[in-house]
């Protein structure tokens, strides 16, 4: 089903060109019927200190957004950052709209996403004076991207494979099962694996599949290093002895959520061994130990909320397969949680794809929650009607 998500007063230009919207025009006080900003929650900070985070604010997107919020969201969706920031600046300095906190929070996120530190800090000073509360804090993305070494946890669920993996490594796999069985979770370090032969690939494949079947939550590090080693083994040949390398590589792609790589390799596997291609199986309990692109608070939330479907980067036309994977993930779940904390932007021409996916899930009786989206993305989803079919959840202001 294709759902028309454009409002009558915001039709797209012919040929799929970015939408051009007018600058906001201040409205007379008598005609200004905007919804009041949400009341502050109890004290406490979340990522960027975007306001008190003691409670959860559920936004159903049933009320009209201000024109500035709508226009800025659409500008940013079309990657027009200067126009979006100018629209928001106009709104926060307009006497009729300056007490509405949403344009302020959107502008903070826009500056953060665009790496504009000085304007961010200047805005923070204005925010403190205006609202008499703490302002968002700049997140140094370079520092956040520095990988943190895996460390043993207090619960003792850390486990690292060492040396080459082979049939002689059976004792290590027995130890892995013992560690995972104690807490129902495992912090798996794969960075120390020096190599893997056919027998070792089979043992690791069976171990990962066994952990998934048992519902063990896997936090991993070093998966990329091991993936490269296994990929080299796959290139060495396509005989039956090498099949375990192929299957392990497919499993590693699933562990890391790499759907595109999995599908490409699955086709090669089917052609090489003349069998049906393996099917993608979502591993919702798996997450990397270091979430370099996220602040520590959100990384901790993602690890705690293992049963959610993550979306990352820019959602664009090439994300169709990811949307299909979301539908597959939701098939056996009455409630579907979508983690959008790693999404920087949703392209305007792709909002329809997101909306149609939400409609499909909603019509199938699913309760859909979208969590962690930044203010620019949240505003766009609200403007385009996604909130009618999914609940947009974010930290209280």
Protein backbone atom coordinates (compact mmCIF):
# COMPACT_ATOMS: atom_id res chain seq x y z
CA UNK A 1 0.00 0.00 0.00
CA UNK A 2 1.28 3.45 -0.88
CA UNK A 3 0.19 6.18 1.48
CA UNK A 4 0.17 9.79 0.44
CA UNK A 5 1.90 11.66 3.22
CA UNK A 6 1.99 15.13 1.69
CA UNK A 7 -0.44 17.66 3.03
CA UNK A 8 -2.46 19.66 0.55
CA UNK A 9 -0.52 22.81 1.37
CA UNK A 10 2.88 21.13 1.06
CA UNK A 11 2.89 19.34 -2.26
CA UNK A 12 6.31 18.29 -3.63
CA UNK A 13 7.74 19.94 -6.70
CA UNK A 14 7.61 18.02 -9.96
CA UNK A 15 10.44 15.63 -10.60
CA UNK A 16 11.07 14.87 -6.92
CA UNK A 17 12.93 18.18 -6.35
CA UNK A 18 13.45 19.37 -2.78
CA UNK A 19 10.44 21.18 -1.38
CA UNK A 20 10.74 24.96 -1.14
CA UNK A 21 8.82 26.54 1.70
CA UNK A 22 8.29 30.17 2.62
CA UNK A 23 9.95 31.81 5.58
CA UNK A 24 7.73 31.89 8.67
CA UNK A 25 5.61 35.03 9.12
CA UNK A 26 4.88 36.19 12.68
CA UNK A 27 1.19 35.82 13.53
CA UNK A 28 -0.88 38.30 15.54
CA UNK A 29 -1.21 37.41 19.19
CA UNK A 30 -4.95 36.82 18.85
CA UNK A 31 -4.44 34.25 16.13
CA UNK A 32 -1.61 32.45 17.86
CA UNK A 33 -3.08 29.17 19.11
CA UNK A 34 0.03 27.07 19.50
CA UNK A 35 0.18 24.24 22.00
CA UNK A 36 2.04 25.17 25.17
CA UNK A 37 5.48 23.61 25.66
CA UNK A 38 5.65 20.55 27.85
CA UNK A 39 6.21 21.28 31.52
CA UNK A 40 9.68 20.51 32.85
CA UNK A 41 10.09 17.17 34.55
CA UNK A 42 12.10 16.46 37.72
CA UNK A 43 15.78 17.34 37.82
CA UNK A 44 18.23 15.07 36.04
CA UNK A 45 20.21 15.15 32.85
CA UNK A 46 20.25 13.05 29.69
CA UNK A 47 22.41 13.29 26.55
CA UNK A 48 23.24 16.91 25.88
CA UNK A 49 21.17 17.85 28.96
CA UNK A 50 18.27 18.55 26.65
CA UNK A 51 16.21 19.09 29.71
CA UNK A 52 15.25 17.12 32.81
CA UNK A 53 15.15 13.44 32.04
CA UNK A 54 13.47 12.07 35.12
CA UNK A 55 10.36 11.04 33.18
CA UNK A 56 9.37 9.95 29.71
CA UNK A 57 7.37 12.22 27.44
CA UNK A 58 5.18 10.39 24.96
CA UNK A 59 4.42 12.48 21.90
CA UNK A 60 1.47 11.29 19.86
CA UNK A 61 1.87 14.04 17.22
CA UNK A 62 -1.85 14.80 17.25
CA UNK A 63 -1.48 18.59 17.54
CA UNK A 64 -0.30 21.06 14.93
CA UNK A 65 3.36 22.04 15.05
CA UNK A 66 4.33 25.68 14.60
CA UNK A 67 5.10 26.76 11.06
CA UNK A 68 8.76 27.32 11.98
CA UNK A 69 9.10 23.79 13.32
CA UNK A 70 7.48 22.32 10.21
CA UNK A 71 9.55 24.35 7.78
CA UNK A 72 12.85 23.78 9.59
CA UNK A 73 12.20 20.05 9.73
CA UNK A 74 11.53 19.93 5.98
CA UNK A 75 14.54 22.10 5.18
CA UNK A 76 16.80 19.78 7.17
CA UNK A 77 15.24 16.69 5.59
CA UNK A 78 16.32 18.17 2.25
CA UNK A 79 19.82 18.76 3.71
CA UNK A 80 19.36 22.53 3.63
CA UNK A 81 21.08 23.24 6.93
CA UNK A 82 21.48 27.01 6.52
CA UNK A 83 17.79 27.49 5.74
CA UNK A 84 16.76 25.28 8.64
CA UNK A 85 18.94 27.14 11.14
CA UNK A 86 17.77 30.54 9.86
CA UNK A 87 14.14 29.48 10.27
CA UNK A 88 14.72 28.30 13.84
CA UNK A 89 16.71 31.42 14.75
CA UNK A 90 13.83 33.55 13.47
CA UNK A 91 11.43 31.58 15.67
CA UNK A 92 13.43 31.79 18.91
CA UNK A 93 13.92 35.54 18.50
CA UNK A 94 10.27 36.20 17.63
CA UNK A 95 8.52 37.59 20.76
CA UNK A 96 5.41 35.59 19.89
CA UNK A 97 7.25 32.27 19.66
CA UNK A 98 10.41 32.56 21.76
CA UNK A 99 8.89 30.81 24.80
CA UNK A 100 8.19 27.68 22.75
CA UNK A 101 11.05 25.37 23.71
CA UNK A 102 10.85 23.06 20.67
CA UNK A 103 12.63 25.38 18.17
CA UNK A 104 15.41 25.86 20.72
CA UNK A 105 15.93 22.12 21.17
CA UNK A 106 15.80 21.57 17.42
CA UNK A 107 18.45 24.24 16.89
CA UNK A 108 20.70 22.68 19.54
CA UNK A 109 20.45 19.32 17.77
CA UNK A 110 21.00 20.92 14.37
CA UNK A 111 24.19 22.63 15.57
CA UNK A 112 25.41 19.41 17.19
CA UNK A 113 24.71 17.32 14.09
CA UNK A 114 26.43 19.92 11.89
CA UNK A 115 29.51 20.27 14.12
CA UNK A 116 28.79 23.96 14.81
CA UNK A 117 30.23 24.26 18.32
CA UNK A 118 30.49 28.05 18.72
CA UNK A 119 26.88 28.78 17.67
CA UNK A 120 25.83 25.92 19.98
CA UNK A 121 27.60 27.50 22.97
CA UNK A 122 26.25 30.96 22.15
CA UNK A 123 22.75 29.52 22.01
CA UNK A 124 23.29 27.78 25.36
CA UNK A 125 23.92 31.15 27.04
CA UNK A 126 20.69 32.56 25.61
CA UNK A 127 18.81 29.43 26.66
CA UNK A 128 19.90 29.70 30.29
CA UNK A 129 18.76 33.33 30.48
CA UNK A 130 15.47 32.64 28.70
CA UNK A 131 14.37 29.49 30.53
CA UNK A 132 16.36 29.76 33.79
CA UNK A 133 17.47 26.13 33.58
CA UNK A 134 20.53 24.23 32.45
CA UNK A 135 21.19 24.20 28.72
CA UNK A 136 22.20 21.27 26.52
CA UNK A 137 25.90 20.42 26.65
CA UNK A 138 28.06 20.11 23.55
CA UNK A 139 29.05 16.52 22.81
CA UNK A 140 32.61 16.24 21.48
CA UNK A 141 32.09 13.69 18.70
CA UNK A 142 35.82 13.12 18.25
CA UNK A 143 36.20 12.06 21.86
CA UNK A 144 33.03 10.00 21.65
CA UNK A 145 34.40 8.15 18.63
CA UNK A 146 37.51 6.97 20.46
CA UNK A 147 37.07 3.22 21.02
CA UNK A 148 37.03 2.08 24.60
CA UNK A 149 38.81 -1.20 25.36
CA UNK A 150 36.68 -4.10 26.49
CA UNK A 151 36.94 -4.66 30.19
CA UNK A 152 35.83 -7.31 32.63
CA UNK A 153 32.50 -6.50 34.20
CA UNK A 154 31.64 -6.96 37.85
CA UNK A 155 29.26 -9.77 36.93
CA UNK A 156 32.17 -11.67 35.41
CA UNK A 157 30.50 -12.12 32.00
CA UNK A 158 33.57 -11.05 30.00
CA UNK A 159 35.09 -13.73 27.77
CA UNK A 160 37.89 -13.47 25.20
CA UNK A 161 38.95 -16.11 22.68
CA UNK A 162 42.72 -16.33 22.31
CA UNK A 163 45.08 -17.82 19.76
CA UNK A 164 43.94 -19.66 16.64
CA UNK A 165 40.50 -21.31 16.74
CA UNK A 166 40.52 -24.97 15.78
CA UNK A 167 39.33 -28.34 17.01
CA UNK A 168 41.89 -27.97 19.81
CA UNK A 169 39.93 -24.95 21.11
CA UNK A 170 37.04 -27.04 22.43
CA UNK A 171 37.89 -26.13 26.04
CA UNK A 172 37.49 -22.41 25.27
CA UNK A 173 33.99 -22.99 23.91
CA UNK A 174 33.01 -24.95 27.01
CA UNK A 175 34.21 -22.06 29.13
CA UNK A 176 32.20 -19.64 26.98
CA UNK A 177 29.01 -21.61 27.68
CA UNK A 178 29.75 -21.63 31.39
CA UNK A 179 30.28 -17.86 31.52
CA UNK A 180 27.15 -17.10 29.48
CA UNK A 181 25.03 -19.47 31.56
CA UNK A 182 25.71 -17.60 34.79
CA UNK A 183 24.14 -14.27 33.89
CA UNK A 184 22.26 -14.76 30.62
CA UNK A 185 24.59 -12.31 28.90
CA UNK A 186 28.13 -12.37 27.52
CA UNK A 187 30.67 -9.69 26.78
CA UNK A 188 32.47 -11.40 23.94
CA UNK A 189 35.93 -10.18 22.87
CA UNK A 190 36.87 -11.50 19.42
CA UNK A 191 39.84 -9.19 18.86
CA UNK A 192 42.42 -11.66 20.16
CA UNK A 193 41.62 -14.45 17.69
CA UNK A 194 44.79 -15.01 15.65
CA UNK A 195 43.25 -17.24 12.99
CA UNK A 196 40.56 -19.80 12.35
CA UNK A 197 40.45 -23.08 10.42
CA UNK A 198 37.43 -25.03 9.19
CA UNK A 199 36.87 -26.81 12.49
CA UNK A 200 37.27 -23.57 14.44
CA UNK A 201 34.73 -21.82 12.21
CA UNK A 202 32.24 -24.62 12.81
CA UNK A 203 32.71 -24.45 16.58
CA UNK A 204 32.28 -20.67 16.69
CA UNK A 205 29.27 -20.82 14.36
CA UNK A 206 27.55 -23.37 16.58
CA UNK A 207 28.44 -21.37 19.69
CA UNK A 208 26.95 -18.13 18.35
CA UNK A 209 23.81 -19.89 17.15
CA UNK A 210 23.48 -21.63 20.51
CA UNK A 211 23.74 -18.34 22.39
CA UNK A 212 21.07 -16.81 20.16
CA UNK A 213 18.70 -19.77 20.65
CA UNK A 214 19.20 -19.57 24.41
CA UNK A 215 18.31 -15.88 24.40
CA UNK A 216 21.73 -14.82 25.68
CA UNK A 217 22.42 -11.13 25.14
CA UNK A 218 25.71 -10.69 23.31
CA UNK A 219 27.86 -7.58 23.68
CA UNK A 220 30.79 -7.96 21.34
CA UNK A 221 34.05 -6.29 20.43
CA UNK A 222 36.61 -7.14 17.77
CA UNK A 223 33.99 -8.57 15.41
CA UNK A 224 35.36 -6.51 12.52
CA UNK A 225 38.86 -7.91 12.99
CA UNK A 226 37.62 -11.49 13.00
CA UNK A 227 35.33 -10.81 10.04
CA UNK A 228 38.33 -9.83 7.92
CA UNK A 229 40.17 -13.02 8.87
CA UNK A 230 37.18 -15.19 7.98
CA UNK A 231 36.60 -13.27 4.74
CA UNK A 232 40.17 -14.09 3.69
CA UNK A 233 39.51 -17.76 4.44
CA UNK A 234 36.37 -17.61 2.28
CA UNK A 235 38.37 -16.21 -0.64
CA UNK A 236 40.71 -19.19 -0.44
CA UNK A 237 38.18 -21.53 -2.01
CA UNK A 238 34.64 -22.81 -2.29
CA UNK A 239 34.99 -26.50 -1.53
CA UNK A 240 33.07 -28.33 1.17
CA UNK A 241 35.94 -27.91 3.64
CA UNK A 242 35.59 -24.12 3.36
CA UNK A 243 31.80 -24.10 3.77
CA UNK A 244 32.11 -23.51 7.51
CA UNK A 245 34.00 -20.28 6.81
CA UNK A 246 31.14 -19.07 4.59
CA UNK A 247 28.51 -19.91 7.20
CA UNK A 248 30.52 -18.28 9.99
CA UNK A 249 30.96 -15.11 7.92
CA UNK A 250 27.20 -14.98 7.33
CA UNK A 251 26.67 -15.37 11.09
CA UNK A 252 29.13 -12.57 11.84
CA UNK A 253 27.28 -10.26 9.45
CA UNK A 254 24.04 -11.03 11.29
CA UNK A 255 25.71 -10.41 14.64
CA UNK A 256 26.81 -6.94 13.45
CA UNK A 257 23.49 -6.14 11.75
CA UNK A 258 25.09 -5.92 8.28
CA UNK A 259 22.12 -6.87 6.14
CA UNK A 260 23.49 -5.73 2.75
CA UNK A 261 26.74 -7.66 3.18
CA UNK A 262 24.80 -10.70 4.34
CA UNK A 263 22.53 -10.69 1.30
CA UNK A 264 25.42 -10.33 -1.14
CA UNK A 265 27.33 -13.19 0.47
CA UNK A 266 24.21 -15.35 0.70
CA UNK A 267 23.77 -15.13 -3.08
CA UNK A 268 27.43 -16.03 -3.65
CA UNK A 269 27.08 -18.94 -1.22
CA UNK A 270 24.01 -20.27 -3.04
CA UNK A 271 25.78 -20.11 -6.41
CA UNK A 272 29.03 -21.60 -5.10
CA UNK A 273 27.49 -24.55 -3.28
CA UNK A 274 24.34 -24.89 -5.46
CA UNK A 275 21.96 -24.65 -2.51
CA UNK A 276 19.21 -22.26 -1.45
CA UNK A 277 20.59 -19.04 0.06
CA UNK A 278 20.42 -18.74 3.88
CA UNK A 279 17.77 -16.43 5.33
CA UNK A 280 18.51 -13.40 7.46
CA UNK A 281 17.72 -13.92 11.14
CA UNK A 282 17.60 -10.79 13.28
CA UNK A 283 19.72 -10.87 16.46
CA UNK A 284 18.05 -8.14 18.59
CA UNK A 285 20.08 -8.98 21.70
CA UNK A 286 23.43 -8.27 20.03
CA UNK A 287 25.18 -4.91 20.40
CA UNK A 288 28.78 -3.67 20.12
CA UNK A 289 30.53 -2.89 23.38
CA UNK A 290 31.70 0.50 22.14
CA UNK A 291 29.01 2.75 20.65
CA UNK A 292 31.47 5.32 19.33
CA UNK A 293 28.91 7.54 17.57
CA UNK A 294 26.72 7.83 20.68
CA UNK A 295 27.23 9.56 24.01
CA UNK A 296 27.82 7.18 26.97
CA UNK A 297 24.30 7.71 28.34
CA UNK A 298 22.62 6.64 25.12
CA UNK A 299 25.06 3.77 24.58
CA UNK A 300 24.07 2.44 27.99
CA UNK A 301 20.39 2.77 27.16
CA UNK A 302 20.86 0.88 23.91
CA UNK A 303 22.64 -1.98 25.66
CA UNK A 304 19.92 -2.13 28.30
CA UNK A 305 17.11 -2.04 25.76
CA UNK A 306 18.37 -5.01 23.79
CA UNK A 307 14.98 -5.92 22.39
CA UNK A 308 14.73 -3.07 19.90
CA UNK A 309 15.37 -2.65 16.20
CA UNK A 310 18.19 -0.16 15.50
CA UNK A 311 18.26 2.28 12.60
CA UNK A 312 21.41 4.31 11.92
CA UNK A 313 22.85 7.05 9.73
CA UNK A 314 20.76 8.81 7.09
CA UNK A 315 17.51 7.08 6.16
CA UNK A 316 17.32 7.33 2.39
CA UNK A 317 16.14 5.42 -0.67
CA UNK A 318 18.76 2.70 -0.19
CA UNK A 319 17.22 1.73 3.17
CA UNK A 320 14.35 -0.23 1.64
CA UNK A 321 15.91 -3.56 2.65
CA UNK A 322 16.32 -2.28 6.20
CA UNK A 323 12.61 -1.45 6.31
CA UNK A 324 11.81 -4.98 5.10
CA UNK A 325 14.07 -6.36 7.83
CA UNK A 326 12.13 -4.27 10.35
CA UNK A 327 8.85 -5.81 9.19
CA UNK A 328 10.39 -9.28 9.48
CA UNK A 329 11.71 -8.46 12.95
CA UNK A 330 8.22 -7.30 14.01
CA UNK A 331 6.41 -10.39 12.73
CA UNK A 332 6.39 -12.28 16.03
CA UNK A 333 6.16 -9.24 18.34
CA UNK A 334 3.00 -7.49 19.54
CA UNK A 335 5.09 -4.43 20.52
CA UNK A 336 7.86 -3.14 18.25
CA UNK A 337 10.50 -0.78 19.60
CA UNK A 338 12.54 1.08 16.99
CA UNK A 339 15.80 2.64 18.18
CA UNK A 340 16.48 5.78 16.13
CA UNK A 341 19.16 7.23 18.44
CA UNK A 342 21.75 6.51 15.73
CA UNK A 343 19.80 8.27 12.94
CA UNK A 344 21.19 11.67 11.98
CA UNK A 345 18.61 12.58 9.31
CA UNK A 346 15.64 11.22 7.37
CA UNK A 347 15.61 12.37 3.76
CA UNK A 348 12.37 14.08 2.81
CA UNK A 349 11.82 11.84 -0.21
CA UNK A 350 12.15 8.78 2.07
CA UNK A 351 9.64 9.78 4.74
CA UNK A 352 6.95 8.01 2.70
CA UNK A 353 8.90 4.75 2.97
CA UNK A 354 9.09 5.12 6.74
CA UNK A 355 5.43 6.10 6.98
CA UNK A 356 4.25 3.18 4.84
CA UNK A 357 6.26 0.79 7.03
CA UNK A 358 4.60 2.21 10.15
CA UNK A 359 1.19 1.85 8.52
CA UNK A 360 1.95 -1.78 7.63
CA UNK A 361 2.98 -2.57 11.20
CA UNK A 362 0.05 -0.67 12.67
CA UNK A 363 -2.48 -2.39 10.42
CA UNK A 364 -1.01 -5.72 11.52
CA UNK A 365 -2.00 -4.96 15.09
CA UNK A 366 1.48 -3.97 16.27
CA UNK A 367 2.11 -1.32 18.89
CA UNK A 368 5.04 0.64 17.48
CA UNK A 369 7.31 2.90 19.54
CA UNK A 370 9.99 5.10 18.00
CA UNK A 371 12.66 5.90 20.58
CA UNK A 372 15.72 8.12 20.73
CA UNK A 373 15.18 10.20 17.58
CA UNK A 374 16.88 13.61 17.60
CA UNK A 375 14.71 16.74 17.65
CA UNK A 376 15.03 17.41 13.92
CA UNK A 377 13.97 13.87 13.01
CA UNK A 378 11.18 13.81 15.62
CA UNK A 379 9.75 17.04 14.23
CA UNK A 380 9.78 15.70 10.67
CA UNK A 381 8.06 12.47 11.70
CA UNK A 382 5.40 14.48 13.50
CA UNK A 383 4.85 16.88 10.60
CA UNK A 384 4.48 14.05 8.08
CA UNK A 385 1.98 12.07 10.15
CA UNK A 386 4.14 9.18 11.32
CA UNK A 387 2.86 9.79 14.86
CA UNK A 388 -0.61 8.67 13.78
CA UNK A 389 0.67 5.11 13.38
CA UNK A 390 3.56 4.97 15.86
CA UNK A 391 4.20 6.50 19.25
CA UNK A 392 7.21 8.82 19.28
CA UNK A 393 8.91 8.51 22.65
CA UNK A 394 11.69 10.74 23.90
CA UNK A 395 13.05 12.04 27.17
CA UNK A 396 10.98 14.58 29.06
CA UNK A 397 11.91 18.20 28.57
